[in-house]
């Protein structure tokens, strides 16, 4: 309460696990939030191992490194440096 007005704050937490589960089943890496792609470290045909940084997205002045949840071969890269991406957009697909 402040100055006779009452404000209601709702704290929301999101551990991003919903994207990890989606990524594991689809063999793809999705953008966890809206932002700008600042780095793409793979191309089609590239072999990745679990934990490799595939794409870096800047959101809210923080760089988010998106890693491969499992090993595989990149089939398609759907973004490039400078692209604006929305939440949930597929950035890299692989086998």
N, C-alpha and C. Protein backbone atom coordinates (compact mmCIF):
# COMPACT_ATOMS: atom_id res chain seq x y z
N UNK A 1 0.84 -1.17 0.00
CA UNK A 1 0.00 0.00 0.00
C UNK A 1 0.90 1.24 0.00
N UNK A 2 0.46 2.23 -0.77
CA UNK A 2 1.22 3.47 -0.85
C UNK A 2 0.27 4.60 -1.25
N UNK A 3 0.20 5.65 -0.45
CA UNK A 3 -0.62 6.79 -0.79
C UNK A 3 -2.09 6.45 -0.93
N UNK A 4 -2.57 5.48 -0.18
CA UNK A 4 -3.96 5.11 -0.25
C UNK A 4 -4.30 4.13 -1.36
N UNK A 5 -3.32 3.75 -2.16
CA UNK A 5 -3.54 2.79 -3.24
C UNK A 5 -2.94 1.45 -2.87
N UNK A 6 -3.62 0.43 -3.25
CA UNK A 6 -3.13 -0.92 -3.01
C UNK A 6 -2.74 -1.55 -4.33
N UNK A 7 -1.52 -2.04 -4.40
CA UNK A 7 -1.02 -2.72 -5.59
C UNK A 7 -0.86 -4.20 -5.27
N UNK A 8 -1.11 -5.02 -6.25
CA UNK A 8 -0.98 -6.46 -6.07
C UNK A 8 0.18 -6.95 -6.94
N UNK A 9 1.12 -7.63 -6.33
CA UNK A 9 2.26 -8.18 -7.04
C UNK A 9 2.13 -9.70 -7.05
N UNK A 10 2.30 -10.26 -8.23
CA UNK A 10 2.28 -11.71 -8.36
C UNK A 10 3.65 -12.14 -8.83
N UNK A 11 4.33 -12.91 -8.02
CA UNK A 11 5.66 -13.38 -8.38
C UNK A 11 5.52 -14.65 -9.21
N UNK A 12 6.10 -14.62 -10.41
CA UNK A 12 6.05 -15.78 -11.28
C UNK A 12 7.47 -16.27 -11.50
N UNK A 13 7.66 -17.55 -11.33
CA UNK A 13 8.97 -18.13 -11.60
C UNK A 13 8.85 -19.09 -12.75
N UNK A 14 9.88 -19.18 -13.54
CA UNK A 14 9.90 -20.08 -14.69
C UNK A 14 11.30 -20.67 -14.78
N UNK A 15 11.41 -21.96 -14.54
CA UNK A 15 12.72 -22.59 -14.57
C UNK A 15 13.11 -23.06 -15.97
N UNK A 16 12.30 -22.73 -16.98
CA UNK A 16 12.55 -23.04 -18.39
C UNK A 16 12.58 -24.53 -18.69
N UNK A 17 12.21 -25.37 -17.73
CA UNK A 17 12.23 -26.82 -17.97
C UNK A 17 11.24 -27.22 -19.06
N UNK A 18 10.17 -26.41 -19.23
CA UNK A 18 9.21 -26.75 -20.28
C UNK A 18 9.85 -26.73 -21.65
N UNK A 19 10.85 -25.87 -21.85
CA UNK A 19 11.54 -25.81 -23.13
C UNK A 19 12.53 -26.97 -23.27
N UNK A 20 13.17 -27.34 -22.17
CA UNK A 20 14.11 -28.45 -22.23
C UNK A 20 13.38 -29.74 -22.60
N UNK A 21 12.23 -29.98 -22.00
CA UNK A 21 11.47 -31.19 -22.31
C UNK A 21 11.03 -31.18 -23.76
N UNK A 22 10.59 -30.03 -24.25
CA UNK A 22 10.16 -29.90 -25.64
C UNK A 22 11.35 -30.13 -26.57
N UNK A 23 12.49 -29.59 -26.19
CA UNK A 23 13.69 -29.73 -27.01
C UNK A 23 14.15 -31.18 -27.07
N UNK A 24 14.11 -31.88 -25.95
CA UNK A 24 14.57 -33.27 -25.94
C UNK A 24 13.72 -34.16 -26.84
N UNK A 25 12.43 -33.88 -26.90
CA UNK A 25 11.57 -34.73 -27.71
C UNK A 25 11.60 -34.36 -29.19
N UNK A 26 11.99 -33.12 -29.52
CA UNK A 26 11.96 -32.68 -30.90
C UNK A 26 13.34 -32.61 -31.53
N UNK A 27 14.40 -32.85 -30.80
CA UNK A 27 15.76 -32.72 -31.31
C UNK A 27 15.96 -31.35 -31.93
N UNK A 28 15.60 -30.32 -31.16
CA UNK A 28 15.73 -28.94 -31.61
C UNK A 28 16.03 -28.06 -30.41
N UNK A 29 16.55 -26.88 -30.69
CA UNK A 29 16.80 -25.88 -29.65
C UNK A 29 15.86 -24.71 -29.93
N UNK A 30 15.10 -24.33 -28.90
CA UNK A 30 14.10 -23.28 -29.01
C UNK A 30 14.57 -22.04 -28.24
N UNK A 31 14.09 -20.89 -28.66
CA UNK A 31 14.38 -19.65 -27.94
C UNK A 31 13.55 -19.61 -26.67
N UNK A 32 14.18 -19.44 -25.50
CA UNK A 32 13.43 -19.44 -24.25
C UNK A 32 12.67 -18.13 -24.00
N UNK A 33 13.02 -17.08 -24.74
CA UNK A 33 12.38 -15.78 -24.57
C UNK A 33 12.64 -14.92 -25.79
N UNK A 34 11.90 -13.83 -25.97
CA UNK A 34 12.18 -12.94 -27.09
C UNK A 34 13.55 -12.30 -26.93
N UNK A 35 14.25 -12.12 -28.03
CA UNK A 35 15.56 -11.49 -27.96
C UNK A 35 16.20 -11.39 -29.33
N UNK A 36 17.50 -11.12 -29.33
CA UNK A 36 18.26 -10.97 -30.57
C UNK A 36 19.40 -11.98 -30.58
N UNK A 37 19.55 -12.65 -31.72
CA UNK A 37 20.62 -13.63 -31.88
C UNK A 37 21.94 -12.88 -32.02
N UNK A 38 22.90 -13.19 -31.13
CA UNK A 38 24.20 -12.52 -31.19
C UNK A 38 25.31 -13.45 -31.65
N UNK A 39 25.04 -14.77 -31.65
CA UNK A 39 26.05 -15.72 -32.09
C UNK A 39 25.39 -17.02 -32.53
N UNK A 40 25.85 -17.55 -33.66
CA UNK A 40 25.42 -18.86 -34.14
C UNK A 40 26.70 -19.66 -34.36
N UNK A 41 26.85 -20.73 -33.59
CA UNK A 41 28.11 -21.48 -33.59
C UNK A 41 28.09 -22.75 -34.42
N UNK A 42 26.99 -23.03 -35.13
CA UNK A 42 26.88 -24.26 -35.91
C UNK A 42 26.29 -23.97 -37.28
N UNK A 43 26.49 -24.92 -38.20
CA UNK A 43 25.87 -24.88 -39.52
C UNK A 43 25.31 -26.28 -39.82
N UNK A 44 24.50 -26.40 -40.85
CA UNK A 44 23.95 -27.70 -41.23
C UNK A 44 25.09 -28.69 -41.48
N UNK A 45 24.95 -29.89 -40.96
CA UNK A 45 25.97 -30.92 -41.11
C UNK A 45 26.96 -30.98 -39.96
N UNK A 46 26.96 -30.00 -39.11
CA UNK A 46 27.88 -29.92 -37.98
C UNK A 46 27.50 -30.95 -36.93
N UNK A 47 28.46 -31.67 -36.37
CA UNK A 47 28.22 -32.65 -35.33
C UNK A 47 28.38 -31.99 -33.97
N UNK A 48 27.37 -32.13 -33.11
CA UNK A 48 27.41 -31.52 -31.79
C UNK A 48 27.38 -32.59 -30.72
N UNK A 49 27.93 -32.26 -29.57
CA UNK A 49 27.85 -33.13 -28.42
C UNK A 49 27.04 -32.41 -27.34
N UNK A 50 26.49 -33.18 -26.44
CA UNK A 50 25.67 -32.62 -25.38
C UNK A 50 26.45 -31.53 -24.65
N UNK A 51 25.82 -30.36 -24.49
CA UNK A 51 26.44 -29.25 -23.78
C UNK A 51 27.11 -28.22 -24.67
N UNK A 52 27.30 -28.53 -25.96
CA UNK A 52 27.89 -27.54 -26.88
C UNK A 52 26.96 -26.33 -27.01
N UNK A 53 27.55 -25.14 -27.03
CA UNK A 53 26.77 -23.91 -27.22
C UNK A 53 26.46 -23.79 -28.70
N UNK A 54 25.17 -23.80 -29.04
CA UNK A 54 24.75 -23.72 -30.44
C UNK A 54 24.44 -22.29 -30.86
N UNK A 55 23.71 -21.58 -30.03
CA UNK A 55 23.26 -20.22 -30.34
C UNK A 55 23.30 -19.40 -29.05
N UNK A 56 23.61 -18.11 -29.20
CA UNK A 56 23.54 -17.19 -28.06
C UNK A 56 22.51 -16.13 -28.40
N UNK A 57 21.53 -15.97 -27.49
CA UNK A 57 20.46 -14.98 -27.66
C UNK A 57 20.59 -13.95 -26.56
N UNK A 58 20.56 -12.68 -26.94
CA UNK A 58 20.60 -11.61 -25.95
C UNK A 58 19.17 -11.15 -25.67
N UNK A 59 18.81 -11.18 -24.39
CA UNK A 59 17.48 -10.73 -23.97
C UNK A 59 17.64 -9.99 -22.65
N UNK A 60 17.03 -8.84 -22.56
CA UNK A 60 17.08 -8.04 -21.35
C UNK A 60 18.53 -7.74 -20.95
N UNK A 61 19.37 -7.48 -21.93
CA UNK A 61 20.79 -7.14 -21.75
C UNK A 61 21.61 -8.27 -21.14
N UNK A 62 21.12 -9.49 -21.26
CA UNK A 62 21.84 -10.67 -20.77
C UNK A 62 21.97 -11.65 -21.92
N UNK A 63 23.16 -12.23 -22.07
CA UNK A 63 23.38 -13.23 -23.10
C UNK A 63 23.02 -14.61 -22.56
N UNK A 64 22.16 -15.32 -23.30
CA UNK A 64 21.72 -16.65 -22.92
C UNK A 64 22.31 -17.65 -23.90
N UNK A 65 23.18 -18.52 -23.43
CA UNK A 65 23.79 -19.55 -24.26
C UNK A 65 22.86 -20.75 -24.33
N UNK A 66 22.43 -21.09 -25.54
CA UNK A 66 21.53 -22.22 -25.73
C UNK A 66 22.38 -23.42 -26.15
N UNK A 67 22.34 -24.47 -25.35
CA UNK A 67 23.22 -25.62 -25.55
C UNK A 67 22.45 -26.83 -26.08
N UNK A 68 23.20 -27.75 -26.65
CA UNK A 68 22.62 -28.99 -27.15
C UNK A 68 22.29 -29.90 -25.97
N UNK A 69 21.02 -30.30 -25.83
CA UNK A 69 20.66 -31.18 -24.73
C UNK A 69 21.11 -32.63 -24.95
N UNK A 70 21.46 -32.95 -26.20
CA UNK A 70 22.00 -34.29 -26.49
C UNK A 70 22.88 -34.20 -27.73
N UNK A 71 23.64 -35.22 -27.99
CA UNK A 71 24.54 -35.24 -29.14
C UNK A 71 23.77 -35.53 -30.41
N UNK A 72 24.31 -35.06 -31.56
CA UNK A 72 23.66 -35.31 -32.83
C UNK A 72 24.30 -34.51 -33.96
N UNK A 73 23.65 -34.51 -35.13
CA UNK A 73 24.12 -33.78 -36.30
C UNK A 73 23.09 -32.71 -36.66
N UNK A 74 23.55 -31.48 -36.87
CA UNK A 74 22.67 -30.37 -37.18
C UNK A 74 22.03 -30.59 -38.55
N UNK A 75 20.70 -30.52 -38.61
CA UNK A 75 19.97 -30.64 -39.86
C UNK A 75 19.67 -29.28 -40.48
N UNK A 76 19.31 -28.32 -39.61
CA UNK A 76 18.88 -27.01 -40.12
C UNK A 76 19.12 -25.94 -39.06
N UNK A 77 19.62 -24.79 -39.49
CA UNK A 77 19.77 -23.62 -38.63
C UNK A 77 18.80 -22.57 -39.13
N UNK A 78 17.84 -22.17 -38.29
CA UNK A 78 16.77 -21.27 -38.70
C UNK A 78 16.97 -19.83 -38.26
N UNK A 79 18.20 -19.47 -37.91
CA UNK A 79 18.45 -18.10 -37.49
C UNK A 79 19.86 -17.70 -37.90
N UNK A 80 20.11 -16.39 -37.88
CA UNK A 80 21.45 -15.88 -38.13
C UNK A 80 21.69 -14.70 -37.21
N UNK A 81 22.93 -14.29 -37.09
CA UNK A 81 23.29 -13.18 -36.20
C UNK A 81 22.50 -11.94 -36.58
N UNK A 82 21.92 -11.30 -35.58
CA UNK A 82 21.15 -10.09 -35.79
C UNK A 82 19.65 -10.32 -35.86
N UNK A 83 19.22 -11.57 -36.04
CA UNK A 83 17.79 -11.87 -36.11
C UNK A 83 17.12 -11.60 -34.77
N UNK A 84 15.90 -11.06 -34.82
CA UNK A 84 15.04 -10.93 -33.64
C UNK A 84 14.19 -12.20 -33.59
N UNK A 85 14.14 -12.85 -32.45
CA UNK A 85 13.39 -14.09 -32.32
C UNK A 85 12.38 -13.97 -31.20
N UNK A 86 11.28 -14.68 -31.34
CA UNK A 86 10.24 -14.72 -30.32
C UNK A 86 10.43 -15.92 -29.42
N UNK A 87 9.74 -15.92 -28.31
CA UNK A 87 9.77 -17.05 -27.39
C UNK A 87 9.20 -18.29 -28.06
N UNK A 88 9.90 -19.41 -27.90
CA UNK A 88 9.42 -20.69 -28.43
C UNK A 88 9.76 -20.96 -29.88
N UNK A 89 10.48 -20.06 -30.54
CA UNK A 89 10.84 -20.26 -31.94
C UNK A 89 11.99 -21.27 -32.05
N UNK A 90 11.86 -22.21 -32.97
CA UNK A 90 12.92 -23.20 -33.19
C UNK A 90 14.11 -22.53 -33.86
N UNK A 91 15.28 -22.65 -33.27
CA UNK A 91 16.48 -22.02 -33.81
C UNK A 91 17.40 -23.02 -34.52
N UNK A 92 17.54 -24.20 -33.95
CA UNK A 92 18.41 -25.24 -34.53
C UNK A 92 17.70 -26.58 -34.42
N UNK A 93 17.67 -27.32 -35.53
CA UNK A 93 17.09 -28.66 -35.54
C UNK A 93 18.22 -29.65 -35.84
N UNK A 94 18.23 -30.76 -35.14
CA UNK A 94 19.26 -31.78 -35.40
C UNK A 94 18.76 -33.18 -35.08
N UNK A 95 19.53 -34.17 -35.56
CA UNK A 95 19.20 -35.59 -35.31
C UNK A 95 19.86 -36.02 -34.02
